Amino acid sequence: MSTIPLDPTPAVGVLTVSDRSSAGVREDVSGPRIVEWCKAREYRVHEYSIVPDETSAIVSLLTQWADDGMDLIITTGGTGFTRRDVTPEATRAVLDREAPGIAEEIRRKGLNATPYSIIARGVAGIRGRTLIVNCPGSPGGVSDSLAVLESVVDHAIALLRGDDAPHGIGGDDNE
């Protein structure tokens, strides 16, 4: 087990869950979109992997990355209705606490693009000091998800790290 040293720049893991992409049959477009978003935010992408839709593979990496000290893990894929879509179940198996508002907002934001966003089953939550967020597998669903994270992820990471993180909008910390 290697622990990621605490650095002001968040360490991120990106996990694509896809049978076809892991087998090399289909190019992963969504994972690289997340990586580019992270780089634009000047986050350190510490890990990027593609695994098949298998609970054990997903649980193994989520557990390892979180326990090694990642600040944020973003998954893409495996959140639909097919029998092989097991990312939410695998994620729940490793979470200490859920953060349902994030997943709810991702689905709500997706409604602007497609009515199918409400059948996405992604979850979000916390393991140790790591925020884990499931995004849909489609590039559009990933873009919608990242738009949701844009406004809250730095604050969430600061809270999980135990840093000073004002709760008020515009610097007003009267809560």
N, C-alpha and C. Protein backbone atom coordinates (compact mmCIF):
# COMPACT_ATOMS: atom_id res chain seq x y z
N MET A 1 0.84 -1.19 0.00
CA MET A 1 0.00 0.00 0.00
C MET A 1 0.88 1.24 0.00
N SER A 2 0.69 2.08 -0.97
CA SER A 2 1.43 3.34 -1.02
C SER A 2 0.47 4.47 -0.73
N THR A 3 0.86 5.31 0.20
CA THR A 3 0.01 6.43 0.56
C THR A 3 0.41 7.64 -0.26
N ILE A 4 -0.58 8.33 -0.79
CA ILE A 4 -0.35 9.54 -1.57
C ILE A 4 -0.08 10.67 -0.60
N PRO A 5 1.07 11.36 -0.74
CA PRO A 5 1.35 12.46 0.18
C PRO A 5 0.34 13.58 0.01
N LEU A 6 -0.04 14.19 1.15
CA LEU A 6 -1.00 15.30 1.10
C LEU A 6 -0.35 16.48 0.40
N ASP A 7 -1.01 16.97 -0.57
CA ASP A 7 -0.53 18.05 -1.42
C ASP A 7 -1.70 19.00 -1.59
N PRO A 8 -1.45 20.30 -1.70
CA PRO A 8 -2.58 21.21 -1.89
C PRO A 8 -3.39 20.92 -3.15
N THR A 9 -2.74 20.30 -4.13
CA THR A 9 -3.41 19.95 -5.38
C THR A 9 -4.10 18.60 -5.20
N PRO A 10 -5.41 18.52 -5.39
CA PRO A 10 -6.10 17.25 -5.17
C PRO A 10 -5.60 16.13 -6.07
N ALA A 11 -5.50 14.95 -5.48
CA ALA A 11 -5.15 13.72 -6.21
C ALA A 11 -6.45 13.04 -6.62
N VAL A 12 -6.54 12.68 -7.90
CA VAL A 12 -7.78 12.13 -8.45
C VAL A 12 -7.51 10.79 -9.12
N GLY A 13 -8.48 9.89 -8.97
CA GLY A 13 -8.49 8.65 -9.72
C GLY A 13 -9.68 8.66 -10.66
N VAL A 14 -9.48 8.21 -11.88
CA VAL A 14 -10.55 8.14 -12.88
C VAL A 14 -10.70 6.68 -13.28
N LEU A 15 -11.90 6.16 -13.11
CA LEU A 15 -12.16 4.76 -13.40
C LEU A 15 -13.29 4.63 -14.42
N THR A 16 -12.98 4.08 -15.57
CA THR A 16 -13.99 3.77 -16.58
C THR A 16 -14.41 2.33 -16.39
N VAL A 17 -15.71 2.11 -16.28
CA VAL A 17 -16.26 0.77 -16.12
C VAL A 17 -17.00 0.42 -17.41
N SER A 18 -16.41 -0.50 -18.18
CA SER A 18 -16.99 -0.85 -19.47
C SER A 18 -16.42 -2.17 -19.96
N ASP A 19 -17.28 -3.13 -20.20
CA ASP A 19 -16.82 -4.40 -20.77
C ASP A 19 -16.13 -4.18 -22.10
N ARG A 20 -16.77 -3.41 -22.98
CA ARG A 20 -16.24 -3.22 -24.33
C ARG A 20 -14.95 -2.40 -24.35
N SER A 21 -14.87 -1.36 -23.55
CA SER A 21 -13.63 -0.56 -23.53
C SER A 21 -12.49 -1.35 -22.89
N SER A 22 -12.78 -2.11 -21.85
CA SER A 22 -11.72 -2.89 -21.20
C SER A 22 -11.19 -3.99 -22.11
N ALA A 23 -12.03 -4.46 -23.04
CA ALA A 23 -11.63 -5.50 -23.99
C ALA A 23 -10.99 -4.90 -25.25
N GLY A 24 -10.97 -3.58 -25.35
CA GLY A 24 -10.39 -2.93 -26.51
C GLY A 24 -11.29 -2.89 -27.73
N VAL A 25 -12.56 -3.21 -27.53
CA VAL A 25 -13.53 -3.22 -28.64
C VAL A 25 -14.04 -1.81 -28.93
N ARG A 26 -14.11 -0.98 -27.91
CA ARG A 26 -14.61 0.39 -28.07
C ARG A 26 -13.66 1.35 -27.35
N GLU A 27 -13.39 2.46 -28.00
CA GLU A 27 -12.54 3.48 -27.39
C GLU A 27 -13.26 4.12 -26.22
N ASP A 28 -12.53 4.34 -25.15
CA ASP A 28 -13.08 5.06 -24.00
C ASP A 28 -13.01 6.55 -24.30
N VAL A 29 -14.15 7.19 -24.37
CA VAL A 29 -14.21 8.63 -24.61
C VAL A 29 -14.50 9.37 -23.30
N SER A 30 -15.28 8.77 -22.43
CA SER A 30 -15.71 9.45 -21.21
C SER A 30 -14.59 9.60 -20.19
N GLY A 31 -13.80 8.57 -19.98
CA GLY A 31 -12.68 8.65 -19.03
C GLY A 31 -11.72 9.77 -19.38
N PRO A 32 -11.26 9.84 -20.66
CA PRO A 32 -10.38 10.95 -21.03
C PRO A 32 -11.02 12.33 -20.88
N ARG A 33 -12.34 12.40 -21.03
CA ARG A 33 -13.02 13.69 -20.81
C ARG A 33 -12.87 14.10 -19.34
N ILE A 34 -12.98 13.15 -18.44
CA ILE A 34 -12.80 13.45 -17.00
C ILE A 34 -11.35 13.84 -16.73
N VAL A 35 -10.41 13.13 -17.33
CA VAL A 35 -8.99 13.45 -17.15
C VAL A 35 -8.71 14.88 -17.61
N GLU A 36 -9.23 15.27 -18.75
CA GLU A 36 -9.03 16.63 -19.26
C GLU A 36 -9.64 17.67 -18.32
N TRP A 37 -10.82 17.39 -17.77
CA TRP A 37 -11.46 18.30 -16.81
C TRP A 37 -10.55 18.47 -15.59
N CYS A 38 -10.02 17.37 -15.11
CA CYS A 38 -9.11 17.42 -13.96
C CYS A 38 -7.87 18.26 -14.26
N LYS A 39 -7.29 18.03 -15.42
CA LYS A 39 -6.10 18.80 -15.80
C LYS A 39 -6.40 20.28 -15.92
N ALA A 40 -7.57 20.63 -16.46
CA ALA A 40 -7.96 22.04 -16.58
C ALA A 40 -8.10 22.68 -15.20
N ARG A 41 -8.46 21.88 -14.20
CA ARG A 41 -8.58 22.38 -12.82
C ARG A 41 -7.26 22.29 -12.07
N GLU A 42 -6.23 21.80 -12.76
CA GLU A 42 -4.89 21.62 -12.18
C GLU A 42 -4.89 20.59 -11.06
N TYR A 43 -5.75 19.60 -11.17
CA TYR A 43 -5.72 18.45 -10.26
C TYR A 43 -4.67 17.47 -10.76
N ARG A 44 -4.14 16.65 -9.86
CA ARG A 44 -3.20 15.59 -10.24
C ARG A 44 -4.00 14.32 -10.52
N VAL A 45 -4.00 13.86 -11.75
CA VAL A 45 -4.65 12.58 -12.06
C VAL A 45 -3.64 11.50 -11.71
N HIS A 46 -3.84 10.92 -10.56
CA HIS A 46 -2.89 9.95 -10.01
C HIS A 46 -3.09 8.57 -10.61
N GLU A 47 -4.33 8.23 -10.96
CA GLU A 47 -4.66 6.93 -11.55
C GLU A 47 -5.75 7.10 -12.60
N TYR A 48 -5.63 6.33 -13.66
CA TYR A 48 -6.69 6.22 -14.67
C TYR A 48 -6.70 4.77 -15.13
N SER A 49 -7.82 4.11 -14.99
CA SER A 49 -7.92 2.70 -15.37
C SER A 49 -9.26 2.42 -16.02
N ILE A 50 -9.28 1.34 -16.78
CA ILE A 50 -10.50 0.83 -17.39
C ILE A 50 -10.66 -0.60 -16.92
N VAL A 51 -11.84 -0.91 -16.37
CA VAL A 51 -12.13 -2.27 -15.90
C VAL A 51 -13.46 -2.73 -16.50
N PRO A 52 -13.64 -4.05 -16.58
CA PRO A 52 -14.95 -4.55 -17.04
C PRO A 52 -16.01 -4.34 -15.98
N ASP A 53 -17.26 -4.52 -16.37
CA ASP A 53 -18.40 -4.39 -15.45
C ASP A 53 -18.43 -5.58 -14.50
N GLU A 54 -17.47 -5.64 -13.58
CA GLU A 54 -17.39 -6.72 -12.60
C GLU A 54 -17.20 -6.11 -11.22
N THR A 55 -18.09 -6.48 -10.33
CA THR A 55 -18.08 -5.90 -8.98
C THR A 55 -16.71 -6.01 -8.33
N SER A 56 -16.09 -7.17 -8.39
CA SER A 56 -14.81 -7.36 -7.70
C SER A 56 -13.73 -6.42 -8.22
N ALA A 57 -13.69 -6.20 -9.52
CA ALA A 57 -12.68 -5.31 -10.10
C ALA A 57 -12.91 -3.86 -9.67
N ILE A 58 -14.17 -3.46 -9.65
CA ILE A 58 -14.52 -2.09 -9.25
C ILE A 58 -14.22 -1.88 -7.77
N VAL A 59 -14.68 -2.79 -6.93
CA VAL A 59 -14.46 -2.68 -5.48
C VAL A 59 -12.97 -2.63 -5.18
N SER A 60 -12.20 -3.48 -5.83
CA SER A 60 -10.76 -3.55 -5.58
C SER A 60 -10.08 -2.22 -5.83
N LEU A 61 -10.34 -1.61 -6.98
CA LEU A 61 -9.68 -0.33 -7.28
C LEU A 61 -10.21 0.81 -6.42
N LEU A 62 -11.51 0.89 -6.23
CA LEU A 62 -12.06 1.96 -5.38
C LEU A 62 -11.46 1.89 -3.98
N THR A 63 -11.39 0.70 -3.43
CA THR A 63 -10.84 0.51 -2.09
C THR A 63 -9.37 0.89 -2.04
N GLN A 64 -8.61 0.38 -2.98
CA GLN A 64 -7.17 0.66 -3.02
C GLN A 64 -6.91 2.15 -3.17
N TRP A 65 -7.57 2.78 -4.14
CA TRP A 65 -7.31 4.20 -4.38
C TRP A 65 -7.72 5.06 -3.20
N ALA A 66 -8.89 4.79 -2.62
CA ALA A 66 -9.34 5.59 -1.48
C ALA A 66 -8.42 5.38 -0.28
N ASP A 67 -8.08 4.13 -0.01
CA ASP A 67 -7.24 3.85 1.14
C ASP A 67 -5.80 4.35 0.97
N ASP A 68 -5.39 4.55 -0.28
CA ASP A 68 -4.07 5.12 -0.55
C ASP A 68 -4.06 6.64 -0.42
N GLY A 69 -5.25 7.26 -0.27
CA GLY A 69 -5.31 8.69 -0.01
C GLY A 69 -5.76 9.58 -1.15
N MET A 70 -6.41 9.01 -2.17
CA MET A 70 -6.97 9.87 -3.22
C MET A 70 -7.96 10.84 -2.58
N ASP A 71 -8.00 12.06 -3.09
CA ASP A 71 -9.00 13.02 -2.63
C ASP A 71 -10.35 12.79 -3.30
N LEU A 72 -10.31 12.40 -4.57
CA LEU A 72 -11.50 12.28 -5.39
C LEU A 72 -11.35 11.11 -6.35
N ILE A 73 -12.39 10.30 -6.44
CA ILE A 73 -12.44 9.24 -7.45
C ILE A 73 -13.71 9.46 -8.24
N ILE A 74 -13.55 9.56 -9.56
CA ILE A 74 -14.71 9.73 -10.45
C ILE A 74 -14.79 8.50 -11.33
N THR A 75 -15.94 7.83 -11.30
CA THR A 75 -16.15 6.69 -12.18
C THR A 75 -17.06 7.10 -13.32
N THR A 76 -16.96 6.39 -14.42
CA THR A 76 -17.88 6.58 -15.53
C THR A 76 -18.27 5.22 -16.07
N GLY A 77 -19.57 5.03 -16.26
CA GLY A 77 -20.08 3.78 -16.82
C GLY A 77 -20.64 2.85 -15.76
N GLY A 78 -21.46 1.92 -16.23
CA GLY A 78 -22.01 0.89 -15.37
C GLY A 78 -23.12 1.34 -14.45
N THR A 79 -23.79 2.46 -14.80
CA THR A 79 -24.84 2.99 -13.91
C THR A 79 -26.24 2.80 -14.48
N GLY A 80 -26.35 2.05 -15.56
CA GLY A 80 -27.65 1.89 -16.21
C GLY A 80 -28.47 0.73 -15.68
N PHE A 81 -29.32 0.20 -16.53
CA PHE A 81 -30.28 -0.82 -16.13
C PHE A 81 -29.92 -2.24 -16.56
N THR A 82 -28.84 -2.41 -17.33
CA THR A 82 -28.53 -3.78 -17.76
C THR A 82 -28.01 -4.60 -16.59
N ARG A 83 -28.05 -5.90 -16.73
CA ARG A 83 -27.58 -6.79 -15.66
C ARG A 83 -26.12 -6.57 -15.32
N ARG A 84 -25.33 -6.15 -16.30
CA ARG A 84 -23.90 -5.96 -16.08
C ARG A 84 -23.58 -4.60 -15.46
N ASP A 85 -24.54 -3.70 -15.36
CA ASP A 85 -24.32 -2.38 -14.77
C ASP A 85 -24.32 -2.49 -13.24
N VAL A 86 -23.11 -2.61 -12.67
CA VAL A 86 -22.99 -2.87 -11.23
C VAL A 86 -22.18 -1.79 -10.49
N THR A 87 -21.86 -0.70 -11.17
CA THR A 87 -21.02 0.31 -10.52
C THR A 87 -21.65 0.88 -9.24
N PRO A 88 -22.94 1.21 -9.21
CA PRO A 88 -23.50 1.74 -7.94
C PRO A 88 -23.41 0.74 -6.79
N GLU A 89 -23.68 -0.53 -7.08
CA GLU A 89 -23.62 -1.54 -6.02
C GLU A 89 -22.18 -1.71 -5.52
N ALA A 90 -21.23 -1.73 -6.45
CA ALA A 90 -19.82 -1.86 -6.07
C ALA A 90 -19.37 -0.65 -5.26
N THR A 91 -19.83 0.52 -5.66
CA THR A 91 -19.47 1.74 -4.94
C THR A 91 -20.06 1.75 -3.54
N ARG A 92 -21.33 1.40 -3.43
CA ARG A 92 -21.95 1.35 -2.09
C ARG A 92 -21.22 0.40 -1.16
N ALA A 93 -20.67 -0.67 -1.71
CA ALA A 93 -19.96 -1.66 -0.89
C ALA A 93 -18.71 -1.08 -0.22
N VAL A 94 -18.15 -0.01 -0.78
CA VAL A 94 -16.93 0.56 -0.21
C VAL A 94 -17.16 1.86 0.55
N LEU A 95 -18.35 2.44 0.44
CA LEU A 95 -18.61 3.73 1.07
C LEU A 95 -18.81 3.62 2.57
N ASP A 96 -18.33 4.63 3.29
CA ASP A 96 -18.65 4.78 4.71
C ASP A 96 -19.96 5.55 4.86
N ARG A 97 -20.15 6.56 3.99
CA ARG A 97 -21.35 7.39 4.03
C ARG A 97 -21.70 7.81 2.61
N GLU A 98 -22.99 7.87 2.31
CA GLU A 98 -23.42 8.35 1.00
C GLU A 98 -23.57 9.87 1.03
N ALA A 99 -23.46 10.47 -0.15
CA ALA A 99 -23.69 11.90 -0.36
C ALA A 99 -24.76 12.00 -1.45
N PRO A 100 -26.01 11.72 -1.10
CA PRO A 100 -27.05 11.60 -2.12
C PRO A 100 -27.33 12.86 -2.92
N GLY A 101 -27.10 14.02 -2.35
CA GLY A 101 -27.39 15.26 -3.06
C GLY A 101 -26.59 15.40 -4.35
N ILE A 102 -25.36 14.89 -4.35
CA ILE A 102 -24.54 14.99 -5.56
C ILE A 102 -25.15 14.15 -6.68
N ALA A 103 -25.48 12.91 -6.39
CA ALA A 103 -26.07 12.03 -7.42
C ALA A 103 -27.43 12.55 -7.89
N GLU A 104 -28.21 13.08 -6.95
CA GLU A 104 -29.51 13.64 -7.31
C GLU A 104 -29.36 14.82 -8.26
N GLU A 105 -28.39 15.69 -7.97
CA GLU A 105 -28.18 16.86 -8.82
C GLU A 105 -27.64 16.47 -10.20
N ILE A 106 -26.81 15.44 -10.25
CA ILE A 106 -26.32 14.95 -11.55
C ILE A 106 -27.50 14.50 -12.40
N ARG A 107 -28.41 13.75 -11.81
CA ARG A 107 -29.60 13.31 -12.57
C ARG A 107 -30.47 14.49 -12.98
N ARG A 108 -30.68 15.44 -12.06
CA ARG A 108 -31.50 16.61 -12.36
C ARG A 108 -30.89 17.43 -13.48
N LYS A 109 -29.60 17.67 -13.41
CA LYS A 109 -28.91 18.45 -14.45
C LYS A 109 -29.01 17.74 -15.80
N GLY A 110 -28.94 16.43 -15.80
CA GLY A 110 -29.03 15.67 -17.03
C GLY A 110 -30.37 15.77 -17.72
N LEU A 111 -31.41 16.09 -16.97
CA LEU A 111 -32.75 16.24 -17.57
C LEU A 111 -32.79 17.34 -18.63
N ASN A 112 -31.89 18.29 -18.53
CA ASN A 112 -31.83 19.35 -19.56
C ASN A 112 -31.46 18.77 -20.92
N ALA A 113 -30.77 17.64 -20.92
CA ALA A 113 -30.30 17.05 -22.17
C ALA A 113 -31.12 15.84 -22.60
N THR A 114 -31.58 15.03 -21.62
CA THR A 114 -32.28 13.80 -21.97
C THR A 114 -33.19 13.35 -20.83
N PRO A 115 -34.38 12.85 -21.15
CA PRO A 115 -35.24 12.32 -20.10
C PRO A 115 -34.67 11.05 -19.47
N TYR A 116 -33.71 10.42 -20.14
CA TYR A 116 -33.13 9.18 -19.63
C TYR A 116 -32.23 9.38 -18.41
N SER A 117 -31.90 10.62 -18.10
CA SER A 117 -31.01 10.86 -16.95
C SER A 117 -31.62 10.34 -15.65
N ILE A 118 -32.95 10.30 -15.58
CA ILE A 118 -33.58 9.85 -14.32
C ILE A 118 -33.48 8.35 -14.12
N ILE A 119 -33.05 7.61 -15.14
CA ILE A 119 -32.86 6.17 -14.92
C ILE A 119 -31.39 5.82 -14.68
N ALA A 120 -30.54 6.82 -14.59
CA ALA A 120 -29.16 6.58 -14.17
C ALA A 120 -29.17 6.25 -12.68
N ARG A 121 -28.39 5.28 -12.29
CA ARG A 121 -28.41 4.80 -10.90
C ARG A 121 -27.16 5.17 -10.11
N GLY A 122 -26.36 6.09 -10.63
CA GLY A 122 -25.11 6.44 -9.97
C GLY A 122 -25.31 6.94 -8.55
N VAL A 123 -24.28 6.72 -7.74
CA VAL A 123 -24.27 7.18 -6.35
C VAL A 123 -23.01 8.02 -6.12
N ALA A 124 -22.99 8.70 -4.99
CA ALA A 124 -21.81 9.45 -4.56
C ALA A 124 -21.69 9.26 -3.06
N GLY A 125 -20.47 9.29 -2.59
CA GLY A 125 -20.28 9.14 -1.15
C GLY A 125 -18.83 9.25 -0.75
N ILE A 126 -18.59 8.88 0.49
CA ILE A 126 -17.30 9.10 1.13
C ILE A 126 -16.76 7.78 1.67
N ARG A 127 -15.50 7.53 1.40
CA ARG A 127 -14.76 6.45 2.05
C ARG A 127 -13.54 7.12 2.67
N GLY A 128 -13.45 7.07 3.99
CA GLY A 128 -12.35 7.75 4.67
C GLY A 128 -12.42 9.24 4.38
N ARG A 129 -11.41 9.77 3.72
CA ARG A 129 -11.39 11.19 3.33
C ARG A 129 -11.48 11.36 1.82
N THR A 130 -12.01 10.33 1.14
CA THR A 130 -12.12 10.35 -0.31
C THR A 130 -13.57 10.48 -0.75
N LEU A 131 -13.83 11.41 -1.66
CA LEU A 131 -15.14 11.54 -2.28
C LEU A 131 -15.15 10.67 -3.53
N ILE A 132 -16.15 9.81 -3.65
CA ILE A 132 -16.31 8.94 -4.81
C ILE A 132 -17.63 9.31 -5.49
N VAL A 133 -17.56 9.55 -6.81
CA VAL A 133 -18.75 9.97 -7.56
C VAL A 133 -18.88 9.09 -8.80
N ASN A 134 -20.07 8.51 -8.98
CA ASN A 134 -20.38 7.75 -10.21
C ASN A 134 -21.00 8.68 -11.23
N CYS A 135 -20.46 8.66 -12.44
CA CYS A 135 -21.03 9.39 -13.58
C CYS A 135 -21.57 8.39 -14.59
N PRO A 136 -22.53 8.80 -15.39
CA PRO A 136 -22.99 7.93 -16.47
C PRO A 136 -21.83 7.63 -17.44
N GLY A 137 -22.04 6.67 -18.32
CA GLY A 137 -21.00 6.30 -19.26
C GLY A 137 -20.94 7.15 -20.51
N SER A 138 -22.00 7.87 -20.82
CA SER A 138 -22.02 8.67 -22.05
C SER A 138 -21.19 9.94 -21.86
N PRO A 139 -20.54 10.40 -22.92
CA PRO A 139 -19.79 11.65 -22.82
C PRO A 139 -20.65 12.83 -22.37
N GLY A 140 -21.89 12.90 -22.86
CA GLY A 140 -22.79 13.98 -22.43
C GLY A 140 -23.13 13.88 -20.96
N GLY A 141 -23.38 12.66 -20.49
CA GLY A 141 -23.66 12.46 -19.07
C GLY A 141 -22.48 12.83 -18.20
N VAL A 142 -21.28 12.55 -18.69
CA VAL A 142 -20.06 12.93 -17.96
C VAL A 142 -19.95 14.45 -17.91
N SER A 143 -20.20 15.12 -19.02
CA SER A 143 -20.13 16.59 -19.03
C SER A 143 -21.13 17.20 -18.06
N ASP A 144 -22.35 16.67 -18.04
CA ASP A 144 -23.36 17.15 -17.08
C ASP A 144 -22.89 16.93 -15.64
N SER A 145 -22.31 15.77 -15.38
CA SER A 145 -21.84 15.44 -14.04
C SER A 145 -20.71 16.37 -13.61
N LEU A 146 -19.78 16.62 -14.50
CA LEU A 146 -18.66 17.50 -14.17
C LEU A 146 -19.12 18.93 -13.92
N ALA A 147 -20.17 19.34 -14.63
CA ALA A 147 -20.73 20.68 -14.39
C ALA A 147 -21.29 20.78 -12.97
N VAL A 148 -21.87 19.70 -12.48
CA VAL A 148 -22.38 19.67 -11.10
C VAL A 148 -21.20 19.73 -10.12
N LEU A 149 -20.18 18.93 -10.37
CA LEU A 149 -19.04 18.89 -9.45
C LEU A 149 -18.27 20.21 -9.42
N GLU A 150 -18.26 20.91 -10.53
CA GLU A 150 -17.51 22.15 -10.66
C GLU A 150 -17.70 23.09 -9.47
N SER A 151 -18.94 23.23 -9.02
CA SER A 151 -19.23 24.22 -7.97
C SER A 151 -19.04 23.70 -6.55
N VAL A 152 -18.90 22.40 -6.36
CA VAL A 152 -18.85 21.88 -4.98
C VAL A 152 -17.63 21.03 -4.64
N VAL A 153 -16.90 20.57 -5.64
CA VAL A 153 -15.87 19.58 -5.36
C VAL A 153 -14.71 20.13 -4.53
N ASP A 154 -14.26 21.34 -4.78
CA ASP A 154 -13.16 21.89 -3.99
C ASP A 154 -13.56 22.03 -2.52
N HIS A 155 -14.77 22.47 -2.30
CA HIS A 155 -15.28 22.61 -0.93
C HIS A 155 -15.38 21.24 -0.26
N ALA A 156 -15.90 20.26 -0.98
CA ALA A 156 -16.03 18.91 -0.42
C ALA A 156 -14.67 18.33 -0.07
N ILE A 157 -13.70 18.49 -0.95
CA ILE A 157 -12.35 17.98 -0.68
C ILE A 157 -11.75 18.68 0.53
N ALA A 158 -11.92 19.98 0.63
CA ALA A 158 -11.39 20.72 1.79
C ALA A 158 -12.01 20.21 3.08
N LEU A 159 -13.32 19.98 3.07
CA LEU A 159 -13.98 19.46 4.28
C LEU A 159 -13.44 18.08 4.65
N LEU A 160 -13.29 17.21 3.65
CA LEU A 160 -12.80 15.86 3.92
C LEU A 160 -11.35 15.85 4.39
N ARG A 161 -10.58 16.81 3.97
CA ARG A 161 -9.19 16.94 4.41
C ARG A 161 -9.08 17.56 5.81
N GLY A 162 -10.19 18.16 6.26
CA GLY A 162 -10.15 18.86 7.55
C GLY A 162 -9.62 20.27 7.44
N ASP A 163 -9.56 20.78 6.20
CA ASP A 163 -9.08 22.16 5.98
C ASP A 163 -10.15 23.15 6.37
N ASP A 164 -9.74 24.41 6.54
CA ASP A 164 -10.69 25.48 6.78
C ASP A 164 -11.50 25.67 5.51
N ALA A 165 -12.80 25.47 5.60
CA ALA A 165 -13.67 25.56 4.43
C ALA A 165 -14.93 26.34 4.81
N PRO A 166 -14.94 27.65 4.56
CA PRO A 166 -16.12 28.44 4.89
C PRO A 166 -17.37 27.87 4.22
N HIS A 167 -18.48 27.91 4.93
CA HIS A 167 -19.73 27.35 4.43
C HIS A 167 -20.64 28.38 3.77
N GLY A 168 -20.37 29.64 3.98
CA GLY A 168 -21.24 30.67 3.41
C GLY A 168 -20.90 30.98 1.96
N ILE A 169 -21.89 31.38 1.22
CA ILE A 169 -21.69 31.82 -0.16
C ILE A 169 -21.03 33.20 -0.13
N GLY A 170 -20.04 33.38 -0.99
CA GLY A 170 -19.39 34.68 -1.07
C GLY A 170 -18.55 35.02 0.14
N GLY A 171 -18.11 33.97 0.87
CA GLY A 171 -17.25 34.20 2.01
C GLY A 171 -17.97 34.46 3.31
N ASP A 172 -19.30 34.53 3.31
CA ASP A 172 -20.07 34.75 4.53
C ASP A 172 -20.15 33.43 5.26
N ASP A 173 -19.53 33.33 6.41
CA ASP A 173 -19.48 32.07 7.15
C ASP A 173 -20.32 32.13 8.42
N ASN A 174 -21.56 32.56 8.30
CA ASN A 174 -22.43 32.71 9.45
C ASN A 174 -23.23 31.45 9.78
N GLU A 175 -22.95 30.35 9.10
CA GLU A 175 -23.75 29.12 9.35
C GLU A 175 -23.20 28.35 10.51
